Full PDB file with SEQRES, HELIX, SHEET, SSBOND, CRYST1, ORIGX, SCALE, CONECT and MASTER records, all heavy atoms in Angstrom:
SEQRES   1 A   41  SER ALA PHE ALA GLN GLN SER GLY GLU ALA ALA ARG VAL          
SEQRES   2 A   41  ALA LEU VAL ILE ALA ASN GLU ALA TYR PRO GLN ALA ARG          
SEQRES   3 A   41  ILE ALA GLY ALA VAL ALA GLN GLY ARG ALA VAL ALA GLN          
SEQRES   4 A   41  THR LEU                                                      
HELIX    1 AA1 PHE A    3  GLN A    5  5                                   3    
HELIX    2 AA2 ALA A   30  THR A   40  1                                  11    
CRYST1    1.000    1.000    1.000  90.00  90.00  90.00 P 1           1          
ORIGX1      1.000000  0.000000  0.000000        0.00000                         
ORIGX2      0.000000  1.000000  0.000000        0.00000                         
ORIGX3      0.000000  0.000000  1.000000        0.00000                         
SCALE1      1.000000  0.000000  0.000000        0.00000                         
SCALE2      0.000000  1.000000  0.000000        0.00000                         
SCALE3      0.000000  0.000000  1.000000        0.00000                         
ATOM      1  N   SER A   1       0.829  -1.198   0.000  1.00  0.00           N  
ATOM      2  CA  SER A   1       0.000   0.000   0.000  1.00  0.00           C  
ATOM      3  C   SER A   1       0.863   1.247   0.000  1.00  0.00           C  
ATOM      4  O   SER A   1       0.480   2.273  -0.538  1.00  0.00           O  
ATOM      5  CB  SER A   1      -0.928  -0.002   1.210  1.00  0.00           C  
ATOM      6  OG  SER A   1      -0.194  -0.140   2.407  1.00  0.00           O  
ATOM      7  N   ALA A   2       2.062   1.163   0.592  1.00  0.00           N  
ATOM      8  CA  ALA A   2       2.943   2.329   0.613  1.00  0.00           C  
ATOM      9  C   ALA A   2       3.380   2.694  -0.792  1.00  0.00           C  
ATOM     10  O   ALA A   2       3.397   3.874  -1.152  1.00  0.00           O  
ATOM     11  CB  ALA A   2       4.169   2.043   1.490  1.00  0.00           C  
ATOM     12  N   PHE A   3       3.743   1.712  -1.601  1.00  0.00           N  
ATOM     13  CA  PHE A   3       4.178   2.002  -2.970  1.00  0.00           C  
ATOM     14  C   PHE A   3       3.050   2.600  -3.790  1.00  0.00           C  
ATOM     15  O   PHE A   3       3.268   3.377  -4.716  1.00  0.00           O  
ATOM     16  CB  PHE A   3       4.710   0.727  -3.641  1.00  0.00           C  
ATOM     17  CG  PHE A   3       6.061   0.311  -3.113  1.00  0.00           C  
ATOM     18  CD1 PHE A   3       6.268  -0.976  -2.646  1.00  0.00           C  
ATOM     19  CD2 PHE A   3       7.112   1.214  -3.063  1.00  0.00           C  
ATOM     20  CE1 PHE A   3       7.502  -1.362  -2.158  1.00  0.00           C  
ATOM     21  CE2 PHE A   3       8.353   0.835  -2.570  1.00  0.00           C  
ATOM     22  CZ  PHE A   3       8.543  -0.463  -2.118  1.00  0.00           C  
ATOM     23  N   ALA A   4       1.803   2.253  -3.431  1.00  0.00           N  
ATOM     24  CA  ALA A   4       0.664   2.801  -4.166  1.00  0.00           C  
ATOM     25  C   ALA A   4       0.484   4.277  -3.910  1.00  0.00           C  
ATOM     26  O   ALA A   4      -0.209   4.962  -4.641  1.00  0.00           O  
ATOM     27  CB  ALA A   4      -0.613   2.046  -3.778  1.00  0.00           C  
ATOM     28  N   GLN A   5       1.139   4.808  -2.849  1.00  0.00           N  
ATOM     29  CA  GLN A   5       0.972   6.206  -2.487  1.00  0.00           C  
ATOM     30  C   GLN A   5       2.156   7.060  -2.935  1.00  0.00           C  
ATOM     31  O   GLN A   5       2.317   8.173  -2.479  1.00  0.00           O  
ATOM     32  CB  GLN A   5       0.824   6.325  -0.961  1.00  0.00           C  
ATOM     33  CG  GLN A   5      -0.438   5.696  -0.412  1.00  0.00           C  
ATOM     34  CD  GLN A   5      -1.660   6.491  -0.782  1.00  0.00           C  
ATOM     35  OE1 GLN A   5      -1.599   7.701  -0.923  1.00  0.00           O  
ATOM     36  NE2 GLN A   5      -2.771   5.816  -0.959  1.00  0.00           N  
ATOM     37  N   GLN A   6       3.002   6.540  -3.788  1.00  0.00           N  
ATOM     38  CA  GLN A   6       4.194   7.290  -4.165  1.00  0.00           C  
ATOM     39  C   GLN A   6       3.869   8.566  -4.907  1.00  0.00           C  
ATOM     40  O   GLN A   6       4.608   9.526  -4.858  1.00  0.00           O  
ATOM     41  CB  GLN A   6       5.115   6.407  -5.012  1.00  0.00           C  
ATOM     42  CG  GLN A   6       5.840   5.348  -4.176  1.00  0.00           C  
ATOM     43  CD  GLN A   6       6.781   4.517  -5.005  1.00  0.00           C  
ATOM     44  OE1 GLN A   6       6.821   4.641  -6.226  1.00  0.00           O  
ATOM     45  NE2 GLN A   6       7.546   3.661  -4.367  1.00  0.00           N  
ATOM     46  N   SER A   7       2.767   8.603  -5.585  1.00  0.00           N  
ATOM     47  CA  SER A   7       2.385   9.817  -6.289  1.00  0.00           C  
ATOM     48  C   SER A   7       1.155  10.414  -5.642  1.00  0.00           C  
ATOM     49  O   SER A   7       0.391   9.720  -4.999  1.00  0.00           O  
ATOM     50  CB  SER A   7       2.081   9.502  -7.765  1.00  0.00           C  
ATOM     51  OG  SER A   7       1.007   8.607  -7.857  1.00  0.00           O  
ATOM     52  N   GLY A   8       0.982  11.709  -5.804  1.00  0.00           N  
ATOM     53  CA  GLY A   8      -0.175  12.383  -5.243  1.00  0.00           C  
ATOM     54  C   GLY A   8       0.041  12.775  -3.796  1.00  0.00           C  
ATOM     55  O   GLY A   8       1.130  12.675  -3.248  1.00  0.00           O  
ATOM     56  N   GLU A   9      -1.028  13.229  -3.163  1.00  0.00           N  
ATOM     57  CA  GLU A   9      -0.947  13.700  -1.792  1.00  0.00           C  
ATOM     58  C   GLU A   9      -0.781  12.542  -0.822  1.00  0.00           C  
ATOM     59  O   GLU A   9      -1.190  11.414  -1.083  1.00  0.00           O  
ATOM     60  CB  GLU A   9      -2.211  14.482  -1.444  1.00  0.00           C  
ATOM     61  CG  GLU A   9      -2.371  15.763  -2.246  1.00  0.00           C  
ATOM     62  CD  GLU A   9      -3.601  16.533  -1.811  1.00  0.00           C  
ATOM     63  OE1 GLU A   9      -4.342  16.042  -0.936  1.00  0.00           O  
ATOM     64  OE2 GLU A   9      -3.793  17.634  -2.355  1.00  0.00           O  
ATOM     65  N   ALA A  10      -0.172  12.843   0.347  1.00  0.00           N  
ATOM     66  CA  ALA A  10      -0.005  11.844   1.383  1.00  0.00           C  
ATOM     67  C   ALA A  10      -1.365  11.382   1.891  1.00  0.00           C  
ATOM     68  O   ALA A  10      -2.318  12.159   1.978  1.00  0.00           O  
ATOM     69  CB  ALA A  10       0.821  12.414   2.535  1.00  0.00           C  
ATOM     70  N   ALA A  11      -1.443  10.097   2.223  1.00  0.00           N  
ATOM     71  CA  ALA A  11      -2.685   9.558   2.772  1.00  0.00           C  
ATOM     72  C   ALA A  11      -2.962  10.190   4.130  1.00  0.00           C  
ATOM     73  O   ALA A  11      -2.047  10.556   4.867  1.00  0.00           O  
ATOM     74  CB  ALA A  11      -2.572   8.045   2.898  1.00  0.00           C  
ATOM     75  N   ARG A  12      -4.243  10.322   4.456  1.00  0.00           N  
ATOM     76  CA  ARG A  12      -4.674  10.830   5.766  1.00  0.00           C  
ATOM     77  C   ARG A  12      -5.599   9.768   6.348  1.00  0.00           C  
ATOM     78  O   ARG A  12      -6.690   9.519   5.822  1.00  0.00           O  
ATOM     79  CB  ARG A  12      -5.382  12.173   5.612  1.00  0.00           C  
ATOM     80  CG  ARG A  12      -4.417  13.283   5.214  1.00  0.00           C  
ATOM     81  CD  ARG A  12      -5.118  14.509   4.653  1.00  0.00           C  
ATOM     82  NE  ARG A  12      -5.892  15.279   5.618  1.00  0.00           N  
ATOM     83  CZ  ARG A  12      -5.376  16.178   6.461  1.00  0.00           C  
ATOM     84  NH1 ARG A  12      -4.062  16.386   6.480  1.00  0.00           N  
ATOM     85  NH2 ARG A  12      -6.142  16.861   7.284  1.00  0.00           N  
ATOM     86  N   VAL A  13      -5.141   9.159   7.432  1.00  0.00           N  
ATOM     87  CA  VAL A  13      -5.822   7.991   7.994  1.00  0.00           C  
ATOM     88  C   VAL A  13      -6.088   8.241   9.473  1.00  0.00           C  
ATOM     89  O   VAL A  13      -5.250   8.815  10.181  1.00  0.00           O  
ATOM     90  CB  VAL A  13      -4.960   6.719   7.835  1.00  0.00           C  
ATOM     91  CG1 VAL A  13      -5.715   5.496   8.353  1.00  0.00           C  
ATOM     92  CG2 VAL A  13      -4.555   6.526   6.381  1.00  0.00           C  
ATOM     93  N   ALA A  14      -7.254   7.815   9.941  1.00  0.00           N  
ATOM     94  CA  ALA A  14      -7.599   8.018  11.346  1.00  0.00           C  
ATOM     95  C   ALA A  14      -8.319   6.802  11.901  1.00  0.00           C  
ATOM     96  O   ALA A  14      -9.025   6.081  11.190  1.00  0.00           O  
ATOM     97  CB  ALA A  14      -8.477   9.257  11.502  1.00  0.00           C  
ATOM     98  N   LEU A  15      -8.135   6.592  13.190  1.00  0.00           N  
ATOM     99  CA  LEU A  15      -8.840   5.556  13.944  1.00  0.00           C  
ATOM    100  C   LEU A  15      -9.515   6.235  15.133  1.00  0.00           C  
ATOM    101  O   LEU A  15      -8.861   6.944  15.904  1.00  0.00           O  
ATOM    102  CB  LEU A  15      -7.858   4.492  14.445  1.00  0.00           C  
ATOM    103  CG  LEU A  15      -8.419   3.444  15.419  1.00  0.00           C  
ATOM    104  CD1 LEU A  15      -9.491   2.591  14.747  1.00  0.00           C  
ATOM    105  CD2 LEU A  15      -7.290   2.556  15.967  1.00  0.00           C  
ATOM    106  N   VAL A  16     -10.823   6.052  15.265  1.00  0.00           N  
ATOM    107  CA  VAL A  16     -11.576   6.649  16.369  1.00  0.00           C  
ATOM    108  C   VAL A  16     -12.316   5.539  17.099  1.00  0.00           C  
ATOM    109  O   VAL A  16     -13.147   4.836  16.511  1.00  0.00           O  
ATOM    110  CB  VAL A  16     -12.582   7.707  15.871  1.00  0.00           C  
ATOM    111  CG1 VAL A  16     -13.406   8.245  17.042  1.00  0.00           C  
ATOM    112  CG2 VAL A  16     -11.853   8.846  15.169  1.00  0.00           C  
ATOM    113  N   ILE A  17     -12.012   5.384  18.382  1.00  0.00           N  
ATOM    114  CA  ILE A  17     -12.657   4.375  19.228  1.00  0.00           C  
ATOM    115  C   ILE A  17     -13.327   5.107  20.382  1.00  0.00           C  
ATOM    116  O   ILE A  17     -12.674   5.862  21.106  1.00  0.00           O  
ATOM    117  CB  ILE A  17     -11.633   3.361  19.776  1.00  0.00           C  
ATOM    118  CG1 ILE A  17     -10.921   2.645  18.621  1.00  0.00           C  
ATOM    119  CG2 ILE A  17     -12.315   2.345  20.698  1.00  0.00           C  
ATOM    120  CD1 ILE A  17      -9.710   1.834  19.058  1.00  0.00           C  
ATOM    121  N   ALA A  18     -14.628   4.894  20.554  1.00  0.00           N  
ATOM    122  CA  ALA A  18     -15.375   5.561  21.623  1.00  0.00           C  
ATOM    123  C   ALA A  18     -16.144   4.516  22.415  1.00  0.00           C  
ATOM    124  O   ALA A  18     -17.173   4.020  21.963  1.00  0.00           O  
ATOM    125  CB  ALA A  18     -16.320   6.606  21.036  1.00  0.00           C  
ATOM    126  N   ASN A  19     -15.649   4.189  23.578  1.00  0.00           N  
ATOM    127  CA  ASN A  19     -16.280   3.198  24.451  1.00  0.00           C  
ATOM    128  C   ASN A  19     -16.896   3.898  25.656  1.00  0.00           C  
ATOM    129  O   ASN A  19     -16.187   4.497  26.466  1.00  0.00           O  
ATOM    130  CB  ASN A  19     -15.253   2.157  24.921  1.00  0.00           C  
ATOM    131  CG  ASN A  19     -14.956   1.126  23.848  1.00  0.00           C  
ATOM    132  OD1 ASN A  19     -15.630   1.086  22.817  1.00  0.00           O  
ATOM    133  ND2 ASN A  19     -13.958   0.285  24.072  1.00  0.00           N  
ATOM    134  N   GLU A  20     -18.190   3.806  25.746  1.00  0.00           N  
ATOM    135  CA  GLU A  20     -18.934   4.490  26.815  1.00  0.00           C  
ATOM    136  C   GLU A  20     -19.656   3.533  27.744  1.00  0.00           C  
ATOM    137  O   GLU A  20     -19.664   3.724  28.966  1.00  0.00           O  
ATOM    138  CB  GLU A  20     -19.960   5.440  26.177  1.00  0.00           C  
ATOM    139  CG  GLU A  20     -20.883   6.125  27.159  1.00  0.00           C  
ATOM    140  CD  GLU A  20     -21.801   7.129  26.478  1.00  0.00           C  
ATOM    141  OE1 GLU A  20     -21.354   7.793  25.518  1.00  0.00           O  
ATOM    142  OE2 GLU A  20     -22.962   7.260  26.921  1.00  0.00           O  
ATOM    143  N   ALA A  21     -20.258   2.471  27.187  1.00  0.00           N  
ATOM    144  CA  ALA A  21     -21.236   1.660  27.919  1.00  0.00           C  
ATOM    145  C   ALA A  21     -20.596   0.551  28.751  1.00  0.00           C  
ATOM    146  O   ALA A  21     -20.949  -0.627  28.643  1.00  0.00           O  
ATOM    147  CB  ALA A  21     -22.250   1.072  26.936  1.00  0.00           C  
ATOM    148  N   TYR A  22     -19.642   0.911  29.623  1.00  0.00           N  
ATOM    149  CA  TYR A  22     -19.079  -0.052  30.568  1.00  0.00           C  
ATOM    150  C   TYR A  22     -20.108  -0.294  31.669  1.00  0.00           C  
ATOM    151  O   TYR A  22     -20.525   0.661  32.338  1.00  0.00           O  
ATOM    152  CB  TYR A  22     -17.791   0.484  31.181  1.00  0.00           C  
ATOM    153  CG  TYR A  22     -16.657   0.674  30.206  1.00  0.00           C  
ATOM    154  CD1 TYR A  22     -16.483   1.887  29.552  1.00  0.00           C  
ATOM    155  CD2 TYR A  22     -15.744  -0.348  29.953  1.00  0.00           C  
ATOM    156  CE1 TYR A  22     -15.437   2.082  28.658  1.00  0.00           C  
ATOM    157  CE2 TYR A  22     -14.693  -0.171  29.065  1.00  0.00           C  
ATOM    158  CZ  TYR A  22     -14.545   1.048  28.415  1.00  0.00           C  
ATOM    159  OH  TYR A  22     -13.507   1.236  27.535  1.00  0.00           O  
ATOM    160  N   PRO A  23     -20.536  -1.530  31.883  1.00  0.00           N  
ATOM    161  CA  PRO A  23     -21.577  -1.775  32.898  1.00  0.00           C  
ATOM    162  C   PRO A  23     -21.191  -1.300  34.292  1.00  0.00           C  
ATOM    163  O   PRO A  23     -22.033  -0.822  35.048  1.00  0.00           O  
ATOM    164  CB  PRO A  23     -21.751  -3.302  32.859  1.00  0.00           C  
ATOM    165  CG  PRO A  23     -21.285  -3.707  31.495  1.00  0.00           C  
ATOM    166  CD  PRO A  23     -20.166  -2.766  31.155  1.00  0.00           C  
ATOM    167  N   GLN A  24     -19.908  -1.389  34.627  1.00  0.00           N  
ATOM    168  CA  GLN A  24     -19.477  -1.032  35.977  1.00  0.00           C  
ATOM    169  C   GLN A  24     -18.943   0.395  36.088  1.00  0.00           C  
ATOM    170  O   GLN A  24     -18.773   0.897  37.199  1.00  0.00           O  
ATOM    171  CB  GLN A  24     -18.386  -2.006  36.444  1.00  0.00           C  
ATOM    172  CG  GLN A  24     -18.862  -3.433  36.609  1.00  0.00           C  
ATOM    173  CD  GLN A  24     -17.709  -4.363  36.930  1.00  0.00           C  
ATOM    174  OE1 GLN A  24     -17.121  -4.964  36.043  1.00  0.00           O  
ATOM    175  NE2 GLN A  24     -17.383  -4.472  38.205  1.00  0.00           N  
ATOM    176  N   ALA A  25     -18.665   1.033  34.977  1.00  0.00           N  
ATOM    177  CA  ALA A  25     -18.052   2.374  35.052  1.00  0.00           C  
ATOM    178  C   ALA A  25     -18.313   3.125  33.755  1.00  0.00           C  
ATOM    179  O   ALA A  25     -17.404   3.363  32.955  1.00  0.00           O  
ATOM    180  CB  ALA A  25     -16.553   2.258  35.313  1.00  0.00           C  
ATOM    181  N   ARG A  26     -19.547   3.494  33.539  1.00  0.00           N  
ATOM    182  CA  ARG A  26     -19.945   4.195  32.313  1.00  0.00           C  
ATOM    183  C   ARG A  26     -19.200   5.527  32.183  1.00  0.00           C  
ATOM    184  O   ARG A  26     -18.963   6.225  33.181  1.00  0.00           O  
ATOM    185  CB  ARG A  26     -21.448   4.455  32.340  1.00  0.00           C  
ATOM    186  CG  ARG A  26     -22.007   5.051  31.054  1.00  0.00           C  
ATOM    187  CD  ARG A  26     -23.514   5.245  31.167  1.00  0.00           C  
ATOM    188  NE  ARG A  26     -24.078   5.713  29.927  1.00  0.00           N  
ATOM    189  CZ  ARG A  26     -24.478   4.908  28.940  1.00  0.00           C  
ATOM    190  NH1 ARG A  26     -24.373   3.601  29.079  1.00  0.00           N  
ATOM    191  NH2 ARG A  26     -24.985   5.408  27.826  1.00  0.00           N  
ATOM    192  N   ILE A  27     -18.840   5.891  30.961  1.00  0.00           N  
ATOM    193  CA  ILE A  27     -18.189   7.178  30.687  1.00  0.00           C  
ATOM    194  C   ILE A  27     -19.177   8.040  29.909  1.00  0.00           C  
ATOM    195  O   ILE A  27     -19.320   7.908  28.690  1.00  0.00           O  
ATOM    196  CB  ILE A  27     -16.885   6.995  29.885  1.00  0.00           C  
ATOM    197  CG1 ILE A  27     -15.943   6.052  30.621  1.00  0.00           C  
ATOM    198  CG2 ILE A  27     -16.226   8.352  29.662  1.00  0.00           C  
ATOM    199  CD1 ILE A  27     -14.673   5.732  29.834  1.00  0.00           C  
ATOM    200  N   ALA A  28     -19.871   8.895  30.614  1.00  0.00           N  
ATOM    201  CA  ALA A  28     -20.912   9.705  29.979  1.00  0.00           C  
ATOM    202  C   ALA A  28     -20.321  10.596  28.891  1.00  0.00           C  
ATOM    203  O   ALA A  28     -19.315  11.275  29.108  1.00  0.00           O  
ATOM    204  CB  ALA A  28     -21.618  10.563  31.028  1.00  0.00           C  
ATOM    205  N   GLY A  29     -20.947  10.577  27.729  1.00  0.00           N  
ATOM    206  CA  GLY A  29     -20.558  11.465  26.639  1.00  0.00           C  
ATOM    207  C   GLY A  29     -19.442  10.967  25.753  1.00  0.00           C  
ATOM    208  O   GLY A  29     -19.072  11.636  24.791  1.00  0.00           O  
ATOM    209  N   ALA A  30     -18.889   9.788  26.025  1.00  0.00           N  
ATOM    210  CA  ALA A  30     -17.754   9.308  25.231  1.00  0.00           C  
ATOM    211  C   ALA A  30     -18.135   9.056  23.778  1.00  0.00           C  
ATOM    212  O   ALA A  30     -17.377   9.383  22.858  1.00  0.00           O  
ATOM    213  CB  ALA A  30     -17.173   8.035  25.858  1.00  0.00           C  
ATOM    214  N   VAL A  31     -19.321   8.482  23.560  1.00  0.00           N  
ATOM    215  CA  VAL A  31     -19.738   8.190  22.184  1.00  0.00           C  
ATOM    216  C   VAL A  31     -19.981   9.487  21.410  1.00  0.00           C  
ATOM    217  O   VAL A  31     -19.542   9.635  20.258  1.00  0.00           O  
ATOM    218  CB  VAL A  31     -20.992   7.295  22.180  1.00  0.00           C  
ATOM    219  CG1 VAL A  31     -21.630   7.264  20.799  1.00  0.00           C  
ATOM    220  CG2 VAL A  31     -20.623   5.873  22.603  1.00  0.00           C  
ATOM    221  N   ALA A  32     -20.674  10.425  22.027  1.00  0.00           N  
ATOM    222  CA  ALA A  32     -20.908  11.705  21.356  1.00  0.00           C  
ATOM    223  C   ALA A  32     -19.584  12.399  21.043  1.00  0.00           C  
ATOM    224  O   ALA A  32     -19.420  12.986  19.967  1.00  0.00           O  
ATOM    225  CB  ALA A  32     -21.781  12.602  22.233  1.00  0.00           C  
ATOM    226  N   GLN A  33     -18.642  12.318  21.967  1.00  0.00           N  
ATOM    227  CA  GLN A  33     -17.333  12.911  21.735  1.00  0.00           C  
ATOM    228  C   GLN A  33     -16.634  12.232  20.566  1.00  0.00           C  
ATOM    229  O   GLN A  33     -16.057  12.886  19.687  1.00  0.00           O  
ATOM    230  CB  GLN A  33     -16.473  12.771  22.988  1.00  0.00           C  
ATOM    231  CG  GLN A  33     -15.174  13.536  22.932  1.00  0.00           C  
ATOM    232  CD  GLN A  33     -15.373  14.999  23.240  1.00  0.00           C  
ATOM    233  OE1 GLN A  33     -15.650  15.351  24.362  1.00  0.00           O  
ATOM    234  NE2 GLN A  33     -15.217  15.850  22.249  1.00  0.00           N  
ATOM    235  N   GLY A  34     -16.697  10.904  20.535  1.00  0.00           N  
ATOM    236  CA  GLY A  34     -16.069  10.172  19.443  1.00  0.00           C  
ATOM    237  C   GLY A  34     -16.672  10.515  18.093  1.00  0.00           C  
ATOM    238  O   GLY A  34     -15.948  10.657  17.095  1.00  0.00           O  
ATOM    239  N   ARG A  35     -17.988  10.659  18.051  1.00  0.00           N  
ATOM    240  CA  ARG A  35     -18.640  11.022  16.786  1.00  0.00           C  
ATOM    241  C   ARG A  35     -18.211  12.407  16.323  1.00  0.00           C  
ATOM    242  O   ARG A  35     -18.004  12.644  15.130  1.00  0.00           O  
ATOM    243  CB  ARG A  35     -20.156  10.966  16.951  1.00  0.00           C  
ATOM    244  CG  ARG A  35     -20.692   9.551  17.117  1.00  0.00           C  
ATOM    245  CD  ARG A  35     -22.183   9.530  17.416  1.00  0.00           C  
ATOM    246  NE  ARG A  35     -22.676   8.174  17.599  1.00  0.00           N  
ATOM    247  CZ  ARG A  35     -23.906   7.862  17.991  1.00  0.00           C  
ATOM    248  NH1 ARG A  35     -24.779   8.843  18.220  1.00  0.00           N  
ATOM    249  NH2 ARG A  35     -24.270   6.608  18.150  1.00  0.00           N  
ATOM    250  N   ALA A  36     -18.080  13.341  17.274  1.00  0.00           N  
ATOM    251  CA  ALA A  36     -17.643  14.685  16.910  1.00  0.00           C  
ATOM    252  C   ALA A  36     -16.221  14.669  16.364  1.00  0.00           C  
ATOM    253  O   ALA A  36     -15.908  15.353  15.382  1.00  0.00           O  
ATOM    254  CB  ALA A  36     -17.734  15.610  18.127  1.00  0.00           C  
ATOM    255  N   VAL A  37     -15.360  13.876  16.977  1.00  0.00           N  
ATOM    256  CA  VAL A  37     -13.984  13.758  16.493  1.00  0.00           C  
ATOM    257  C   VAL A  37     -13.968  13.128  15.108  1.00  0.00           C  
ATOM    258  O   VAL A  37     -13.286  13.614  14.192  1.00  0.00           O  
ATOM    259  CB  VAL A  37     -13.135  12.938  17.482  1.00  0.00           C  
ATOM    260  CG1 VAL A  37     -11.768  12.611  16.880  1.00  0.00           C  
ATOM    261  CG2 VAL A  37     -12.964  13.698  18.793  1.00  0.00           C  
ATOM    262  N   ALA A  38     -14.711  12.044  14.935  1.00  0.00           N  
ATOM    263  CA  ALA A  38     -14.735  11.368  13.633  1.00  0.00           C  
ATOM    264  C   ALA A  38     -15.263  12.288  12.542  1.00  0.00           C  
ATOM    265  O   ALA A  38     -14.737  12.315  11.420  1.00  0.00           O  
ATOM    266  CB  ALA A  38     -15.590  10.096  13.720  1.00  0.00           C  
ATOM    267  N   GLN A  39     -16.298  13.053  12.855  1.00  0.00           N  
ATOM    268  CA  GLN A  39     -16.861  13.980  11.871  1.00  0.00           C  
ATOM    269  C   GLN A  39     -15.852  15.054  11.486  1.00  0.00           C  
ATOM    270  O   GLN A  39     -15.710  15.406  10.309  1.00  0.00           O  
ATOM    271  CB  GLN A  39     -18.118  14.620  12.444  1.00  0.00           C  
ATOM    272  CG  GLN A  39     -18.817  15.574  11.486  1.00  0.00           C  
ATOM    273  CD  GLN A  39     -20.057  16.201  12.095  1.00  0.00           C  
ATOM    274  OE1 GLN A  39     -20.238  16.193  13.306  1.00  0.00           O  
ATOM    275  NE2 GLN A  39     -20.916  16.743  11.257  1.00  0.00           N  
ATOM    276  N   THR A  40     -15.140  15.584  12.474  1.00  0.00           N  
ATOM    277  CA  THR A  40     -14.143  16.616  12.196  1.00  0.00           C  
ATOM    278  C   THR A  40     -12.999  16.062  11.355  1.00  0.00           C  
ATOM    279  O   THR A  40     -12.543  16.709  10.402  1.00  0.00           O  
ATOM    280  CB  THR A  40     -13.597  17.182  13.527  1.00  0.00           C  
ATOM    281  OG1 THR A  40     -14.679  17.769  14.258  1.00  0.00           O  
ATOM    282  CG2 THR A  40     -12.534  18.236  13.281  1.00  0.00           C  
ATOM    283  N   LEU A  41     -12.525  14.874  11.675  1.00  0.00           N  
ATOM    284  CA  LEU A  41     -11.443  14.253  10.905  1.00  0.00           C  
ATOM    285  C   LEU A  41     -11.894  13.941   9.485  1.00  0.00           C  
ATOM    286  O   LEU A  41     -11.158  14.174   8.519  1.00  0.00           O  
ATOM    287  CB  LEU A  41     -10.956  12.988  11.610  1.00  0.00           C  
ATOM    288  CG  LEU A  41     -10.253  13.198  12.952  1.00  0.00           C  
ATOM    289  CD1 LEU A  41     -10.044  11.864  13.669  1.00  0.00           C  
ATOM    290  CD2 LEU A  41      -8.906  13.885  12.748  1.00  0.00           C  
TER     291      LEU A  41                                                      
MASTER        0    0    0    2    0    0    0    6  290    1    0    4          
END                                                                             
C-alpha cells in the first residue's frame, strides 16, 4: 500500500474508538465525543 501512495498527496488515515457503555463504570458522553472527532477528521 505504501508504494501505491508514491504519487499524489499523502494519505490521511484516522482511527476513532469511543467506548462508553461499561456496565461497571460508564463514561458519559464518550460516544458523542467520538462522533464529533470522527466527523471533524
